Every structure is written in C-alpha cells, then in structure tokens.
Protein backbone atom coordinates (compact mmCIF):
# COMPACT_ATOMS: atom_id res chain seq x y z
CA MET A 1 0.43 30.57 7.54
CA ALA A 2 -2.63 30.02 5.35
CA ILE A 3 -3.20 26.62 3.78
CA PRO A 4 -4.34 27.02 0.19
CA ASP A 5 -7.03 24.78 -1.26
CA VAL A 6 -5.47 23.13 -4.33
CA VAL A 7 -7.79 21.32 -6.75
CA LEU A 8 -6.85 19.65 -10.02
CA LEU A 9 -9.78 19.33 -12.41
CA THR A 10 -9.43 16.34 -14.73
CA LYS A 11 -11.39 14.08 -17.05
CA ALA A 12 -11.12 10.45 -18.07
CA ASP A 13 -8.71 9.41 -20.83
CA CYS A 14 -6.70 12.63 -20.63
CA HIS A 15 -2.95 12.28 -21.17
CA LEU A 16 -2.34 15.88 -20.05
CA CYS A 17 -4.21 15.12 -16.81
CA ALA A 18 -1.72 12.37 -15.93
CA ALA A 19 1.20 14.78 -16.38
CA ALA A 20 -0.66 17.43 -14.38
CA ARG A 21 -1.18 14.98 -11.48
CA ASP A 22 2.57 14.43 -11.34
CA ALA A 23 3.37 18.16 -11.52
CA VAL A 24 0.84 19.18 -8.85
CA GLY A 25 1.98 16.31 -6.66
CA ARG A 26 5.64 17.35 -6.88
CA VAL A 27 4.98 21.02 -6.16
CA THR A 28 2.58 20.48 -3.27
CA ALA A 29 4.78 17.78 -1.70
CA GLY A 30 7.75 20.14 -1.84
CA LEU A 31 5.73 22.71 0.11
CA GLY A 32 4.18 20.23 2.54
CA LEU A 33 0.69 20.81 1.16
CA GLY A 34 -2.13 18.51 0.19
CA TRP A 35 -4.27 18.68 -2.92
CA ARG A 36 -7.29 16.93 -4.34
CA GLU A 37 -8.43 15.85 -7.75
CA GLN A 38 -11.94 16.41 -9.05
CA SER A 39 -13.23 14.81 -12.22
CA VAL A 40 -15.50 16.94 -14.38
CA ASP A 41 -17.00 13.80 -15.93
CA SER A 42 -19.78 13.67 -13.36
CA ASP A 43 -20.29 17.43 -12.97
CA GLU A 44 -22.03 19.01 -15.95
CA SER A 45 -21.41 22.62 -14.88
CA LEU A 46 -17.65 22.07 -14.43
CA ARG A 47 -17.47 20.09 -17.67
CA ASP A 48 -19.20 22.91 -19.57
CA ARG A 49 -17.05 25.61 -18.00
CA TYR A 50 -13.64 23.95 -18.39
CA ALA A 51 -14.18 21.52 -21.30
CA GLU A 52 -11.49 22.99 -23.57
CA GLU A 53 -8.95 23.78 -20.85
CA LEU A 54 -8.50 20.52 -18.93
CA PRO A 55 -6.56 19.81 -16.86
CA VAL A 56 -7.06 22.92 -14.73
CA VAL A 57 -5.44 23.87 -11.42
CA LEU A 58 -7.54 25.92 -9.01
CA VAL A 59 -5.98 27.56 -5.97
CA ASP A 60 -8.53 28.81 -3.47
CA GLY A 61 -11.16 28.59 -6.19
CA ILE A 62 -9.24 30.68 -8.74
CA GLN A 63 -8.00 29.15 -11.98
CA ARG A 64 -4.21 29.39 -11.96
CA ASP A 65 -3.08 27.15 -14.80
CA PHE A 66 -4.37 24.75 -17.45
CA TRP A 67 -3.23 22.19 -20.05
CA LYS A 68 0.49 21.92 -19.21
CA ILE A 69 1.12 22.88 -15.60
CA ASP A 70 4.02 25.29 -15.06
CA GLU A 71 5.56 24.01 -11.83
CA ALA A 72 7.54 27.18 -11.09
CA ARG A 73 4.45 29.35 -11.50
CA LEU A 74 2.34 27.00 -9.35
CA GLU A 75 4.96 27.06 -6.60
CA ARG A 76 5.06 30.87 -6.72
CA VAL A 77 1.26 31.10 -6.51
CA LEU A 78 1.13 28.65 -3.61
CA ARG A 79 3.88 30.45 -1.69
CA GLN A 80 1.96 33.73 -2.11
CA ALA A 81 -1.26 32.06 -0.93
CA MET A 82 0.53 30.62 2.09
CA ALA A 83 1.90 34.04 3.03
CA ARG A 84 -1.58 35.55 3.37
C-alpha cells in the first residue's frame, strides 16, 4: 500500500483554510493517514501560483481540490493513491 503525501496549502486570516483543515483532518484520520499544512505566506512562488485558489489540497504534488474541500472526492483520490 502506497502512502500518499497530503499537503494543505493555506494562508493567514483565511476562513476557508480553517474549514479545509477540519475536512482534510477528518478524511485522512478516517484512512489512517497523516497530512501536513504549508503556509504560502513565507513562500513567494507558492503564493504567486495559488494566490486566488487557497486553500489548496495537494496529493503527491498534484492539486486535487481548492477553496471548499469536497471530502468524498478527497477520500476517493486518497484511496486511489493508496492502491498504487
């Protein structure tokens, strides 16, 4: 079973980011996976790339969702990644 790398990109003072933390936490916990959060505030290249889409969920480096995280879709993507 592969262990996908799950990263939530966020920024300060972002109400959608708080909801995304909860959603990613629920989905990954249900699958027994970890995840990490990365702020774009201190990374100019990430901030420029994702400025209008935050929060963003990356799975194995690929953008899978943004703004409001769809938990069912994230679970499906993670299960597929784990099956590889």
